């Protein structure tokens, strides 16, 4: 992997919330003898944590 850049944006349109992740990568591989593999793969994991609701009992 030669270069990697990640930017994330959050948008809210009405009641809907959108998360946009922009990933830009470049990979380079070269060899004089044999095989070379330049992988441009990415793993993205998004976890949504729920907000705790406090219940008040009187």
C-alpha atoms as a PDB file:
ATOM      1  CA  UNK A   1       0.000   0.000   0.000  1.00  0.00           C
ATOM      2  CA  UNK A   2       1.528   3.284  -1.084  1.00  0.00           C
ATOM      3  CA  UNK A   3      -1.100   5.815  -0.017  1.00  0.00           C
ATOM      4  CA  UNK A   4      -4.393   5.761   1.860  1.00  0.00           C
ATOM      5  CA  UNK A   5      -6.815   8.579   2.630  1.00  0.00           C
ATOM      6  CA  UNK A   6     -10.126   8.296   4.491  1.00  0.00           C
ATOM      7  CA  UNK A   7     -12.768  10.987   4.904  1.00  0.00           C
ATOM      8  CA  UNK A   8     -16.166  10.595   6.513  1.00  0.00           C
ATOM      9  CA  UNK A   9     -19.178  12.860   6.301  1.00  0.00           C
ATOM     10  CA  UNK A  10     -22.456  12.831   8.234  1.00  0.00           C
ATOM     11  CA  UNK A  11     -25.646  14.156   6.705  1.00  0.00           C
ATOM     12  CA  UNK A  12     -29.128  14.476   8.150  1.00  0.00           C
ATOM     13  CA  UNK A  13     -32.029  14.785   5.736  1.00  0.00           C
ATOM     14  CA  UNK A  14     -35.366  14.862   7.497  1.00  0.00           C
ATOM     15  CA  UNK A  15     -35.462  11.988   9.993  1.00  0.00           C
ATOM     16  CA  UNK A  16     -32.820   9.987   8.117  1.00  0.00           C
ATOM     17  CA  UNK A  17     -29.128  10.110   8.992  1.00  0.00           C
ATOM     18  CA  UNK A  18     -26.514   9.190   6.392  1.00  0.00           C
ATOM     19  CA  UNK A  19     -22.852   8.331   6.860  1.00  0.00           C
ATOM     20  CA  UNK A  20     -20.665   8.649   3.767  1.00  0.00           C
ATOM     21  CA  UNK A  21     -17.157   7.172   3.883  1.00  0.00           C
ATOM     22  CA  UNK A  22     -14.801   8.131   1.083  1.00  0.00           C
ATOM     23  CA  UNK A  23     -11.719   5.894   0.809  1.00  0.00           C
ATOM     24  CA  UNK A  24      -8.955   6.658  -1.675  1.00  0.00           C
ATOM     25  CA  UNK A  25      -6.097   4.174  -2.017  1.00  0.00           C
ATOM     26  CA  UNK A  26      -3.236   3.411  -4.331  1.00  0.00           C
ATOM     27  CA  UNK A  27      -1.035   0.322  -4.448  1.00  0.00           C
ATOM     28  CA  UNK A  28       2.112  -0.461  -6.394  1.00  0.00           C
ATOM     29  CA  UNK A  29       4.067  -3.687  -6.916  1.00  0.00           C
ATOM     30  CA  UNK A  30       6.904  -4.629  -9.238  1.00  0.00           C
ATOM     31  CA  UNK A  31       9.367  -7.472  -9.540  1.00  0.00           C
ATOM     32  CA  UNK A  32      12.232  -8.508 -11.789  1.00  0.00           C
ATOM     33  CA  UNK A  33      11.558 -12.223 -11.427  1.00  0.00           C
ATOM     34  CA  UNK A  34       8.417 -14.022 -10.299  1.00  0.00           C
ATOM     35  CA  UNK A  35       4.952 -12.732  -9.428  1.00  0.00           C
ATOM     36  CA  UNK A  36       3.854  -9.574  -7.641  1.00  0.00           C
ATOM     37  CA  UNK A  37       0.420  -8.679  -6.343  1.00  0.00           C
ATOM     38  CA  UNK A  38      -0.689  -5.125  -5.598  1.00  0.00           C
ATOM     39  CA  UNK A  39      -3.790  -5.360  -3.438  1.00  0.00           C
ATOM     40  CA  UNK A  40      -6.198  -2.452  -3.206  1.00  0.00           C
ATOM     41  CA  UNK A  41      -8.567  -4.092  -0.702  1.00  0.00           C
ATOM     42  CA  UNK A  42     -10.099  -2.388   2.313  1.00  0.00           C
ATOM     43  CA  UNK A  43     -11.937  -3.619   5.407  1.00  0.00           C
ATOM     44  CA  UNK A  44     -14.595  -1.335   6.864  1.00  0.00           C
ATOM     45  CA  UNK A  45     -16.414  -2.031  10.107  1.00  0.00           C
ATOM     46  CA  UNK A  46     -19.173   0.261  11.330  1.00  0.00           C
ATOM     47  CA  UNK A  47     -20.644  -0.204  14.793  1.00  0.00           C
ATOM     48  CA  UNK A  48     -23.669   1.734  15.940  1.00  0.00           C
ATOM     49  CA  UNK A  49     -23.813   2.175  19.685  1.00  0.00           C
ATOM     50  CA  UNK A  50     -27.212   2.737  21.168  1.00  0.00           C
ATOM     51  CA  UNK A  51     -27.738   5.568  23.590  1.00  0.00           C
ATOM     52  CA  UNK A  52     -28.772   4.487  27.051  1.00  0.00           C
ATOM     53  CA  UNK A  53     -32.172   5.707  28.105  1.00  0.00           C
ATOM     54  CA  UNK A  54     -32.514   6.551  31.753  1.00  0.00           C
ATOM     55  CA  UNK A  55     -35.877   5.553  33.161  1.00  0.00           C
ATOM     56  CA  UNK A  56     -37.088   7.634  36.053  1.00  0.00           C
ATOM     57  CA  UNK A  57     -39.533   6.081  38.420  1.00  0.00           C
ATOM     58  CA  UNK A  58     -41.190   8.244  41.051  1.00  0.00           C
END
